[in-house]
Amino acid sequence: MAWYVVYRGKEPGVYATWPICHAQVSGFANCCYKSFATKEEAVASYLEYRGCEDDAMDAKVFVKPPCSASGNQSSPKIPWLLAIALVQSFLLMVLVFFIAKHCCRCL
């Protein structure tokens, strides 16, 4: 099993699976990440990068647990859906006023 270190990404840290690591670096400009064969190597690399080489530090703090399947991943889409709904409502109102203005002359 590979371990992944995200040095520069949405949330830097040590990740146990590729999908979670990929989610942290995808779309992030100048992202930096690397895979390691063992958890110990990954944590040591991350601690060295952060400048925390003290052995007294608890390395588990930097390991990000896998997200649950029921995680709230749809929340970033809500502002886009709201914007789309507002634009559609505006265009519908413009269309209704245009039709009302031009069809009243025909009656």
PDB file of N, CA and C in Angstrom:
ATOM      1  N   MET A   1       0.844  -1.190   0.000  1.00  0.00           N
ATOM      2  CA  MET A   1       0.000   0.000   0.000  1.00  0.00           C
ATOM      3  C   MET A   1       0.881   1.242   0.000  1.00  0.00           C
ATOM      4  N   ALA A   2       0.593   2.157  -0.863  1.00  0.00           N
ATOM      5  CA  ALA A   2       1.363   3.397  -0.951  1.00  0.00           C
ATOM      6  C   ALA A   2       0.747   4.465  -0.055  1.00  0.00           C
ATOM      7  N   TRP A   3       1.584   5.371   0.403  1.00  0.00           N
ATOM      8  CA  TRP A   3       1.168   6.534   1.176  1.00  0.00           C
ATOM      9  C   TRP A   3       1.554   7.772   0.375  1.00  0.00           C
ATOM     10  N   TYR A   4       0.776   8.817   0.497  1.00  0.00           N
ATOM     11  CA  TYR A   4       0.973  10.013  -0.315  1.00  0.00           C
ATOM     12  C   TYR A   4       1.138  11.239   0.572  1.00  0.00           C
ATOM     13  N   VAL A   5       2.121  12.070   0.230  1.00  0.00           N
ATOM     14  CA  VAL A   5       2.353  13.316   0.949  1.00  0.00           C
ATOM     15  C   VAL A   5       2.014  14.471   0.019  1.00  0.00           C
ATOM     16  N   VAL A   6       1.157  15.342   0.476  1.00  0.00           N
ATOM     17  CA  VAL A   6       0.828  16.564  -0.254  1.00  0.00           C
ATOM     18  C   VAL A   6       1.589  17.695   0.427  1.00  0.00           C
ATOM     19  N   TYR A   7       2.596  18.210  -0.266  1.00  0.00           N
ATOM     20  CA  TYR A   7       3.390  19.307   0.274  1.00  0.00           C
ATOM     21  C   TYR A   7       2.703  20.642  -0.003  1.00  0.00           C
ATOM     22  N   ARG A   8       2.248  20.823  -1.227  1.00  0.00           N
ATOM     23  CA  ARG A   8       1.490  22.013  -1.600  1.00  0.00           C
ATOM     24  C   ARG A   8       0.208  21.546  -2.281  1.00  0.00           C
ATOM     25  N   GLY A   9      -0.911  21.885  -1.674  1.00  0.00           N
ATOM     26  CA  GLY A   9      -2.211  21.492  -2.190  1.00  0.00           C
ATOM     27  C   GLY A   9      -3.295  22.181  -1.395  1.00  0.00           C
ATOM     28  N   LYS A  10      -4.513  21.728  -1.564  1.00  0.00           N
ATOM     29  CA  LYS A  10      -5.630  22.338  -0.843  1.00  0.00           C
ATOM     30  C   LYS A  10      -5.457  22.178   0.663  1.00  0.00           C
ATOM     31  N   GLU A  11      -5.065  20.975   1.101  1.00  0.00           N
ATOM     32  CA  GLU A  11      -4.798  20.718   2.516  1.00  0.00           C
ATOM     33  C   GLU A  11      -3.576  19.810   2.612  1.00  0.00           C
ATOM     34  N   PRO A  12      -2.394  20.377   2.845  1.00  0.00           N
ATOM     35  CA  PRO A  12      -1.184  19.565   2.927  1.00  0.00           C
ATOM     36  C   PRO A  12      -1.266  18.545   4.060  1.00  0.00           C
ATOM     37  N   GLY A  13      -0.622  17.403   3.844  1.00  0.00           N
ATOM     38  CA  GLY A  13      -0.599  16.357   4.859  1.00  0.00           C
ATOM     39  C   GLY A  13      -0.253  15.022   4.253  1.00  0.00           C
ATOM     40  N   VAL A  14      -0.435  13.977   5.046  1.00  0.00           N
ATOM     41  CA  VAL A  14      -0.159  12.605   4.629  1.00  0.00           C
ATOM     42  C   VAL A  14      -1.497  11.907   4.417  1.00  0.00           C
ATOM     43  N   TYR A  15      -1.634  11.236   3.266  1.00  0.00           N
ATOM     44  CA  TYR A  15      -2.890  10.592   2.911  1.00  0.00           C
ATOM     45  C   TYR A  15      -2.668   9.115   2.612  1.00  0.00           C
ATOM     46  N   ALA A  16      -3.653   8.311   2.975  1.00  0.00           N
ATOM     47  CA  ALA A  16      -3.530   6.862   2.841  1.00  0.00           C
ATOM     48  C   ALA A  16      -3.970   6.338   1.483  1.00  0.00           C
ATOM     49  N   THR A  17      -4.756   7.096   0.733  1.00  0.00           N
ATOM     50  CA  THR A  17      -5.254   6.613  -0.557  1.00  0.00           C
ATOM     51  C   THR A  17      -5.031   7.661  -1.639  1.00  0.00           C
ATOM     52  N   TRP A  18      -4.894   7.173  -2.868  1.00  0.00           N
ATOM     53  CA  TRP A  18      -4.685   8.073  -4.007  1.00  0.00           C
ATOM     54  C   TRP A  18      -5.890   8.970  -4.278  1.00  0.00           C
ATOM     55  N   PRO A  19      -7.127   8.482  -4.238  1.00  0.00           N
ATOM     56  CA  PRO A  19      -8.249   9.388  -4.528  1.00  0.00           C
ATOM     57  C   PRO A  19      -8.308  10.594  -3.589  1.00  0.00           C
ATOM     58  N   ILE A  20      -7.987  10.385  -2.323  1.00  0.00           N
ATOM     59  CA  ILE A  20      -8.026  11.503  -1.383  1.00  0.00           C
ATOM     60  C   ILE A  20      -6.881  12.468  -1.675  1.00  0.00           C
ATOM     61  N   CYS A  21      -5.700  11.913  -1.950  1.00  0.00           N
ATOM     62  CA  CYS A  21      -4.549  12.759  -2.306  1.00  0.00           C
ATOM     63  C   CYS A  21      -4.842  13.536  -3.588  1.00  0.00           C
ATOM     64  N   HIS A  22      -5.396  12.858  -4.567  1.00  0.00           N
ATOM     65  CA  HIS A  22      -5.695  13.506  -5.850  1.00  0.00           C
ATOM     66  C   HIS A  22      -6.688  14.654  -5.682  1.00  0.00           C
ATOM     67  N   ALA A  23      -7.646  14.470  -4.779  1.00  0.00           N
ATOM     68  CA  ALA A  23      -8.624  15.533  -4.522  1.00  0.00           C
ATOM     69  C   ALA A  23      -7.952  16.771  -3.935  1.00  0.00           C
ATOM     70  N   GLN A  24      -6.854  16.577  -3.208  1.00  0.00           N
ATOM     71  CA  GLN A  24      -6.161  17.705  -2.598  1.00  0.00           C
ATOM     72  C   GLN A  24      -5.291  18.479  -3.587  1.00  0.00           C
ATOM     73  N   VAL A  25      -4.853  17.813  -4.661  1.00  0.00           N
ATOM     74  CA  VAL A  25      -3.932  18.472  -5.594  1.00  0.00           C
ATOM     75  C   VAL A  25      -4.582  18.844  -6.921  1.00  0.00           C
ATOM     76  N   SER A  26      -5.704  18.227  -7.266  1.00  0.00           N
ATOM     77  CA  SER A  26      -6.326  18.535  -8.555  1.00  0.00           C
ATOM     78  C   SER A  26      -6.880  19.953  -8.547  1.00  0.00           C
ATOM     79  N   GLY A  27      -6.537  20.694  -9.573  1.00  0.00           N
ATOM     80  CA  GLY A  27      -7.002  22.071  -9.692  1.00  0.00           C
ATOM     81  C   GLY A  27      -6.204  23.062  -8.866  1.00  0.00           C
ATOM     82  N   PHE A  28      -5.192  22.595  -8.155  1.00  0.00           N
ATOM     83  CA  PHE A  28      -4.373  23.481  -7.325  1.00  0.00           C
ATOM     84  C   PHE A  28      -3.119  23.843  -8.118  1.00  0.00           C
ATOM     85  N   ALA A  29      -2.925  25.130  -8.374  1.00  0.00           N
ATOM     86  CA  ALA A  29      -1.761  25.568  -9.150  1.00  0.00           C
ATOM     87  C   ALA A  29      -0.478  25.307  -8.374  1.00  0.00           C
ATOM     88  N   ASN A  30       0.539  24.811  -9.073  1.00  0.00           N
ATOM     89  CA  ASN A  30       1.849  24.518  -8.491  1.00  0.00           C
ATOM     90  C   ASN A  30       1.769  23.533  -7.331  1.00  0.00           C
ATOM     91  N   CYS A  31       0.919  22.531  -7.470  1.00  0.00           N
ATOM     92  CA  CYS A  31       0.810  21.525  -6.416  1.00  0.00           C
ATOM     93  C   CYS A  31       2.095  20.688  -6.368  1.00  0.00           C
ATOM     94  N   CYS A  32       2.337  20.081  -5.225  1.00  0.00           N
ATOM     95  CA  CYS A  32       3.523  19.246  -5.059  1.00  0.00           C
ATOM     96  C   CYS A  32       3.134  18.077  -4.162  1.00  0.00           C
ATOM     97  N   TYR A  33       3.348  16.858  -4.653  1.00  0.00           N
ATOM     98  CA  TYR A  33       3.026  15.669  -3.879  1.00  0.00           C
ATOM     99  C   TYR A  33       3.962  14.539  -4.274  1.00  0.00           C
ATOM    100  N   LYS A  34       4.024  13.508  -3.425  1.00  0.00           N
ATOM    101  CA  LYS A  34       4.913  12.377  -3.686  1.00  0.00           C
ATOM    102  C   LYS A  34       4.361  11.151  -2.971  1.00  0.00           C
ATOM    103  N   SER A  35       4.598   9.970  -3.562  1.00  0.00           N
ATOM    104  CA  SER A  35       4.155   8.730  -2.922  1.00  0.00           C
ATOM    105  C   SER A  35       5.335   8.057  -2.228  1.00  0.00           C
ATOM    106  N   PHE A  36       5.026   7.310  -1.185  1.00  0.00           N
ATOM    107  CA  PHE A  36       6.019   6.581  -0.410  1.00  0.00           C
ATOM    108  C   PHE A  36       5.516   5.169  -0.163  1.00  0.00           C
ATOM    109  N   ALA A  37       6.448   4.243   0.038  1.00  0.00           N
ATOM    110  CA  ALA A  37       6.089   2.837   0.244  1.00  0.00           C
ATOM    111  C   ALA A  37       5.519   2.592   1.638  1.00  0.00           C
ATOM    112  N   THR A  38       5.995   3.347   2.628  1.00  0.00           N
ATOM    113  CA  THR A  38       5.525   3.113   4.001  1.00  0.00           C
ATOM    114  C   THR A  38       5.005   4.415   4.607  1.00  0.00           C
ATOM    115  N   LYS A  39       4.175   4.248   5.615  1.00  0.00           N
ATOM    116  CA  LYS A  39       3.618   5.395   6.325  1.00  0.00           C
ATOM    117  C   LYS A  39       4.737   6.161   7.037  1.00  0.00           C
ATOM    118  N   GLU A  40       5.686   5.440   7.599  1.00  0.00           N
ATOM    119  CA  GLU A  40       6.773   6.075   8.336  1.00  0.00           C
ATOM    120  C   GLU A  40       7.602   6.987   7.433  1.00  0.00           C
ATOM    121  N   GLU A  41       7.901   6.524   6.208  1.00  0.00           N
ATOM    122  CA  GLU A  41       8.653   7.344   5.257  1.00  0.00           C
ATOM    123  C   GLU A  41       7.866   8.602   4.881  1.00  0.00           C
ATOM    124  N   ALA A  42       6.578   8.427   4.666  1.00  0.00           N
ATOM    125  CA  ALA A  42       5.738   9.556   4.280  1.00  0.00           C
ATOM    126  C   ALA A  42       5.669  10.596   5.393  1.00  0.00           C
ATOM    127  N   VAL A  43       5.450  10.138   6.617  1.00  0.00           N
ATOM    128  CA  VAL A  43       5.353  11.067   7.745  1.00  0.00           C
ATOM    129  C   VAL A  43       6.690  11.759   7.978  1.00  0.00           C
ATOM    130  N   ALA A  44       7.788  10.995   7.890  1.00  0.00           N
ATOM    131  CA  ALA A  44       9.117  11.588   8.082  1.00  0.00           C
ATOM    132  C   ALA A  44       9.397  12.650   7.025  1.00  0.00           C
ATOM    133  N   SER A  45       9.022  12.395   5.775  1.00  0.00           N
ATOM    134  CA  SER A  45       9.233  13.367   4.712  1.00  0.00           C
ATOM    135  C   SER A  45       8.406  14.621   4.950  1.00  0.00           C
ATOM    136  N   TYR A  46       7.151  14.439   5.363  1.00  0.00           N
ATOM    137  CA  TYR A  46       6.294  15.588   5.607  1.00  0.00           C
ATOM    138  C   TYR A  46       6.809  16.413   6.780  1.00  0.00           C
ATOM    139  N   LEU A  47       7.237  15.736   7.847  1.00  0.00           N
ATOM    140  CA  LEU A  47       7.768  16.447   9.006  1.00  0.00           C
ATOM    141  C   LEU A  47       9.047  17.198   8.646  1.00  0.00           C
ATOM    142  N   GLU A  48       9.887  16.581   7.825  1.00  0.00           N
ATOM    143  CA  GLU A  48      11.113  17.250   7.393  1.00  0.00           C
ATOM    144  C   GLU A  48      10.783  18.486   6.554  1.00  0.00           C
ATOM    145  N   TYR A  49       9.804  18.360   5.675  1.00  0.00           N
ATOM    146  CA  TYR A  49       9.385  19.488   4.847  1.00  0.00           C
ATOM    147  C   TYR A  49       8.866  20.635   5.712  1.00  0.00           C
ATOM    148  N   ARG A  50       8.105  20.285   6.738  1.00  0.00           N
ATOM    149  CA  ARG A  50       7.520  21.287   7.627  1.00  0.00           C
ATOM    150  C   ARG A  50       8.536  21.833   8.633  1.00  0.00           C
ATOM    151  N   GLY A  51       9.704  21.198   8.712  1.00  0.00           N
ATOM    152  CA  GLY A  51      10.715  21.644   9.666  1.00  0.00           C
ATOM    153  C   GLY A  51      10.454  21.153  11.070  1.00  0.00           C
ATOM    154  N   CYS A  52       9.729  20.054  11.204  1.00  0.00           N
ATOM    155  CA  CYS A  52       9.371  19.483  12.502  1.00  0.00           C
ATOM    156  C   CYS A  52      10.102  18.157  12.668  1.00  0.00           C
ATOM    157  N   GLU A  53      11.379  18.199  12.849  1.00  0.00           N
ATOM    158  CA  GLU A  53      12.143  16.966  12.964  1.00  0.00           C
ATOM    159  C   GLU A  53      12.217  16.456  14.393  1.00  0.00           C
ATOM    160  N   ASP A  54      11.532  17.107  15.313  1.00  0.00           N
ATOM    161  CA  ASP A  54      11.544  16.698  16.713  1.00  0.00           C
ATOM    162  C   ASP A  54      10.838  15.357  16.861  1.00  0.00           C
ATOM    163  N   ASP A  55      11.501  14.376  17.501  1.00  0.00           N
ATOM    164  CA  ASP A  55      10.917  13.043  17.683  1.00  0.00           C
ATOM    165  C   ASP A  55       9.744  13.048  18.648  1.00  0.00           C
ATOM    166  N   ALA A  56       9.622  14.085  19.460  1.00  0.00           N
ATOM    167  CA  ALA A  56       8.535  14.137  20.431  1.00  0.00           C
ATOM    168  C   ALA A  56       7.200  14.469  19.775  1.00  0.00           C
ATOM    169  N   MET A  57       7.231  14.951  18.542  1.00  0.00           N
ATOM    170  CA  MET A  57       5.980  15.303  17.853  1.00  0.00           C
ATOM    171  C   MET A  57       5.202  14.040  17.532  1.00  0.00           C
ATOM    172  N   ASP A  58       3.921  14.086  17.665  1.00  0.00           N
ATOM    173  CA  ASP A  58       3.066  12.942  17.336  1.00  0.00           C
ATOM    174  C   ASP A  58       2.818  12.947  15.836  1.00  0.00           C
ATOM    175  N   ALA A  59       3.386  11.978  15.136  1.00  0.00           N
ATOM    176  CA  ALA A  59       3.280  11.935  13.677  1.00  0.00           C
ATOM    177  C   ALA A  59       1.860  11.674  13.211  1.00  0.00           C
ATOM    178  N   LYS A  60       1.027  11.089  14.044  1.00  0.00           N
ATOM    179  CA  LYS A  60      -0.340  10.781  13.634  1.00  0.00           C
ATOM    180  C   LYS A  60      -1.152  12.037  13.376  1.00  0.00           C
ATOM    181  N   VAL A  61      -0.730  13.155  13.907  1.00  0.00           N
ATOM    182  CA  VAL A  61      -1.462  14.406  13.715  1.00  0.00           C
ATOM    183  C   VAL A  61      -1.502  14.771  12.232  1.00  0.00           C
ATOM    184  N   PHE A  62      -0.475  14.399  11.493  1.00  0.00           N
ATOM    185  CA  PHE A  62      -0.368  14.816  10.101  1.00  0.00           C
ATOM    186  C   PHE A  62      -1.028  13.844   9.143  1.00  0.00           C
ATOM    187  N   VAL A  63      -1.463  12.685   9.618  1.00  0.00           N
ATOM    188  CA  VAL A  63      -2.082  11.690   8.744  1.00  0.00           C
ATOM    189  C   VAL A  63      -3.562  12.004   8.625  1.00  0.00           C
ATOM    190  N   LYS A  64      -4.018  12.228   7.411  1.00  0.00           N
ATOM    191  CA  LYS A  64      -5.420  12.558   7.165  1.00  0.00           C
ATOM    192  C   LYS A  64      -6.204  11.270   6.955  1.00  0.00           C
ATOM    193  N   PRO A  65      -7.242  11.021   7.739  1.00  0.00           N
ATOM    194  CA  PRO A  65      -8.031   9.804   7.553  1.00  0.00           C
ATOM    195  C   PRO A  65      -8.830   9.869   6.268  1.00  0.00           C
ATOM    196  N   PRO A  66      -9.150   8.703   5.700  1.00  0.00           N
ATOM    197  CA  PRO A  66      -9.980   8.699   4.490  1.00  0.00           C
ATOM    198  C   PRO A  66     -11.341   9.318   4.766  1.00  0.00           C
ATOM    199  N   CYS A  67     -11.863  10.037   3.787  1.00  0.00           N
ATOM    200  CA  CYS A  67     -13.194  10.631   3.920  1.00  0.00           C
ATOM    201  C   CYS A  67     -14.241   9.532   3.885  1.00  0.00           C
ATOM    202  N   SER A  68     -15.298   9.725   4.632  1.00  0.00           N
ATOM    203  CA  SER A  68     -16.382   8.748   4.603  1.00  0.00           C
ATOM    204  C   SER A  68     -17.148   8.880   3.306  1.00  0.00           C
ATOM    205  N   ALA A  69     -17.849   7.814   2.942  1.00  0.00           N
ATOM    206  CA  ALA A  69     -18.614   7.816   1.689  1.00  0.00           C
ATOM    207  C   ALA A  69     -19.730   8.842   1.725  1.00  0.00           C
ATOM    208  N   SER A  70     -20.200   9.167   2.934  1.00  0.00           N
ATOM    209  CA  SER A  70     -21.291  10.131   3.048  1.00  0.00           C
ATOM    210  C   SER A  70     -20.769  11.539   3.307  1.00  0.00           C
ATOM    211  N   GLY A  71     -19.526  11.800   2.936  1.00  0.00           N
ATOM    212  CA  GLY A  71     -18.932  13.112   3.149  1.00  0.00           C
ATOM    213  C   GLY A  71     -19.686  14.195   2.397  1.00  0.00           C
ATOM    214  N   ASN A  72     -19.569  15.408   2.872  1.00  0.00           N
ATOM    215  CA  ASN A  72     -20.283  16.530   2.271  1.00  0.00           C
ATOM    216  C   ASN A  72     -19.457  17.087   1.118  1.00  0.00           C
ATOM    217  N   GLN A  73     -19.498  16.399  -0.019  1.00  0.00           N
ATOM    218  CA  GLN A  73     -18.727  16.827  -1.167  1.00  0.00           C
ATOM    219  C   GLN A  73     -19.565  17.642  -2.141  1.00  0.00           C
ATOM    220  N   SER A  74     -20.876  17.737  -1.924  1.00  0.00           N
ATOM    221  CA  SER A  74     -21.724  18.469  -2.856  1.00  0.00           C
ATOM    222  C   SER A  74     -21.884  19.933  -2.475  1.00  0.00           C
ATOM    223  N   SER A  75     -21.420  20.356  -1.313  1.00  0.00           N
ATOM    224  CA  SER A  75     -21.616  21.725  -0.877  1.00  0.00           C
ATOM    225  C   SER A  75     -20.955  22.756  -1.777  1.00  0.00           C
ATOM    226  N   PRO A  76     -19.760  22.507  -2.370  1.00  0.00           N
ATOM    227  CA  PRO A  76     -19.220  23.536  -3.259  1.00  0.00           C
ATOM    228  C   PRO A  76     -20.069  23.766  -4.503  1.00  0.00           C
ATOM    229  N   LYS A  77     -20.951  22.848  -4.863  1.00  0.00           N
ATOM    230  CA  LYS A  77     -21.772  22.999  -6.057  1.00  0.00           C
ATOM    231  C   LYS A  77     -22.965  23.912  -5.815  1.00  0.00           C
ATOM    232  N   ILE A  78     -23.351  24.119  -4.583  1.00  0.00           N
ATOM    233  CA  ILE A  78     -24.547  24.888  -4.273  1.00  0.00           C
ATOM    234  C   ILE A  78     -24.460  26.321  -4.786  1.00  0.00           C
ATOM    235  N   PRO A  79     -23.353  27.053  -4.604  1.00  0.00           N
ATOM    236  CA  PRO A  79     -23.318  28.411  -5.163  1.00  0.00           C
ATOM    237  C   PRO A  79     -23.478  28.435  -6.682  1.00  0.00           C
ATOM    238  N   TRP A  80     -22.937  27.439  -7.382  1.00  0.00           N
ATOM    239  CA  TRP A  80     -23.086  27.392  -8.832  1.00  0.00           C
ATOM    240  C   TRP A  80     -24.530  27.136  -9.219  1.00  0.00           C
ATOM    241  N   LEU A  81     -25.188  26.244  -8.498  1.00  0.00           N
ATOM    242  CA  LEU A  81     -26.588  25.972  -8.800  1.00  0.00           C
ATOM    243  C   LEU A  81     -27.447  27.203  -8.543  1.00  0.00           C
ATOM    244  N   LEU A  82     -27.152  27.918  -7.491  1.00  0.00           N
ATOM    245  CA  LEU A  82     -27.897  29.144  -7.193  1.00  0.00           C
ATOM    246  C   LEU A  82     -27.680  30.190  -8.282  1.00  0.00           C
ATOM    247  N   ALA A  83     -26.452  30.347  -8.730  1.00  0.00           N
ATOM    248  CA  ALA A  83     -26.165  31.314  -9.784  1.00  0.00           C
ATOM    249  C   ALA A  83     -26.882  30.941 -11.082  1.00  0.00           C
ATOM    250  N   ILE A  84     -26.866  29.664 -11.411  1.00  0.00           N
ATOM    251  CA  ILE A  84     -27.553  29.216 -12.632  1.00  0.00           C
ATOM    252  C   ILE A  84     -29.051  29.464 -12.516  1.00  0.00           C
ATOM    253  N   ALA A  85     -29.630  29.178 -11.352  1.00  0.00           N
ATOM    254  CA  ALA A  85     -31.064  29.394 -11.158  1.00  0.00           C
ATOM    255  C   ALA A  85     -31.416  30.876 -11.275  1.00  0.00           C
ATOM    256  N   LEU A  86     -30.574  31.747 -10.727  1.00  0.00           N
ATOM    257  CA  LEU A  86     -30.844  33.183 -10.813  1.00  0.00           C
ATOM    258  C   LEU A  86     -30.764  33.686 -12.253  1.00  0.00           C
ATOM    259  N   VAL A  87     -29.780  33.222 -12.991  1.00  0.00           N
ATOM    260  CA  VAL A  87     -29.642  33.636 -14.393  1.00  0.00           C
ATOM    261  C   VAL A  87     -30.839  33.141 -15.206  1.00  0.00           C
ATOM    262  N   GLN A  88     -31.234  31.905 -14.982  1.00  0.00           N
ATOM    263  CA  GLN A  88     -32.390  31.371 -15.713  1.00  0.00           C
ATOM    264  C   GLN A  88     -33.655  32.137 -15.374  1.00  0.00           C
ATOM    265  N   SER A  89     -33.833  32.490 -14.110  1.00  0.00           N
ATOM    266  CA  SER A  89     -35.020  33.255 -13.712  1.00  0.00           C
ATOM    267  C   SER A  89     -35.031  34.624 -14.380  1.00  0.00           C
ATOM    268  N   PHE A  90     -33.874  35.264 -14.427  1.00  0.00           N
ATOM    269  CA  PHE A  90     -33.781  36.572 -15.075  1.00  0.00           C
ATOM    270  C   PHE A  90     -34.116  36.472 -16.553  1.00  0.00           C
ATOM    271  N   LEU A  91     -33.545  35.486 -17.230  1.00  0.00           N
ATOM    272  CA  LEU A  91     -33.816  35.319 -18.658  1.00  0.00           C
ATOM    273  C   LEU A  91     -35.283  35.001 -18.921  1.00  0.00           C
ATOM    274  N   LEU A  92     -35.912  34.233 -18.053  1.00  0.00           N
ATOM    275  CA  LEU A  92     -37.328  33.929 -18.197  1.00  0.00           C
ATOM    276  C   LEU A  92     -38.175  35.192 -18.054  1.00  0.00           C
ATOM    277  N   MET A  93     -37.814  36.057 -17.089  1.00  0.00           N
ATOM    278  CA  MET A  93     -38.560  37.307 -16.914  1.00  0.00           C
ATOM    279  C   MET A  93     -38.399  38.206 -18.134  1.00  0.00           C
ATOM    280  N   VAL A  94     -37.209  38.291 -18.691  1.00  0.00           N
ATOM    281  CA  VAL A  94     -36.976  39.091 -19.890  1.00  0.00           C
ATOM    282  C   VAL A  94     -37.822  38.561 -21.035  1.00  0.00           C
ATOM    283  N   LEU A  95     -37.870  37.247 -21.192  1.00  0.00           N
ATOM    284  CA  LEU A  95     -38.658  36.640 -22.253  1.00  0.00           C
ATOM    285  C   LEU A  95     -40.147  36.935 -22.066  1.00  0.00           C
ATOM    286  N   VAL A  96     -40.648  36.836 -20.864  1.00  0.00           N
ATOM    287  CA  VAL A  96     -42.070  37.102 -20.595  1.00  0.00           C
ATOM    288  C   VAL A  96     -42.401  38.561 -20.923  1.00  0.00           C
ATOM    289  N   PHE A  97     -41.564  39.503 -20.497  1.00  0.00           N
ATOM    290  CA  PHE A  97     -41.830  40.909 -20.790  1.00  0.00           C
ATOM    291  C   PHE A  97     -41.740  41.197 -22.285  1.00  0.00           C
ATOM    292  N   PHE A  98     -40.810  40.568 -22.973  1.00  0.00           N
ATOM    293  CA  PHE A  98     -40.675  40.762 -24.414  1.00  0.00           C
ATOM    294  C   PHE A  98     -41.919  40.255 -25.137  1.00  0.00           C
ATOM    295  N   ILE A  99     -42.375  39.058 -24.766  1.00  0.00           N
ATOM    296  CA  ILE A  99     -43.572  38.489 -25.398  1.00  0.00           C
ATOM    297  C   ILE A  99     -44.795  39.335 -25.070  1.00  0.00           C
ATOM    298  N   ALA A 100     -44.924  39.783 -23.817  1.00  0.00           N
ATOM    299  CA  ALA A 100     -46.079  40.585 -23.438  1.00  0.00           C
ATOM    300  C   ALA A 100     -46.098  41.912 -24.199  1.00  0.00           C
ATOM    301  N   LYS A 101     -44.941  42.515 -24.386  1.00  0.00           N
ATOM    302  CA  LYS A 101     -44.874  43.800 -25.074  1.00  0.00           C
ATOM    303  C   LYS A 101     -45.220  43.665 -26.550  1.00  0.00           C
ATOM    304  N   HIS A 102     -44.733  42.625 -27.196  1.00  0.00           N
ATOM    305  CA  HIS A 102     -44.937  42.480 -28.633  1.00  0.00           C
ATOM    306  C   HIS A 102     -46.237  41.765 -28.994  1.00  0.00           C
ATOM    307  N   CYS A 103     -46.777  40.956 -28.126  1.00  0.00           N
ATOM    308  CA  CYS A 103     -48.032  40.250 -28.449  1.00  0.00           C
ATOM    309  C   CYS A 103     -49.253  41.102 -28.159  1.00  0.00           C
ATOM    310  N   CYS A 104     -49.129  42.106 -27.308  1.00  0.00           N
ATOM    311  CA  CYS A 104     -50.284  42.972 -27.024  1.00  0.00           C
ATOM    312  C   CYS A 104     -50.659  43.784 -28.259  1.00  0.00           C
ATOM    313  N   ARG A 105     -49.718  44.042 -29.142  1.00  0.00           N
ATOM    314  CA  ARG A 105     -50.012  44.817 -30.364  1.00  0.00           C
ATOM    315  C   ARG A 105     -50.849  43.983 -31.347  1.00  0.00           C
ATOM    316  N   CYS A 106     -50.710  42.653 -31.245  1.00  0.00           N
ATOM    317  CA  CYS A 106     -51.425  41.792 -32.192  1.00  0.00           C
ATOM    318  C   CYS A 106     -52.888  41.655 -31.829  1.00  0.00           C
ATOM    319  N   LEU A 107     -53.234  41.844 -30.592  1.00  0.00           N
ATOM    320  CA  LEU A 107     -54.637  41.657 -30.169  1.00  0.00           C
ATOM    321  C   LEU A 107     -55.449  42.815 -30.472  1.00  0.00           C
TER     322      LEU A 107
END
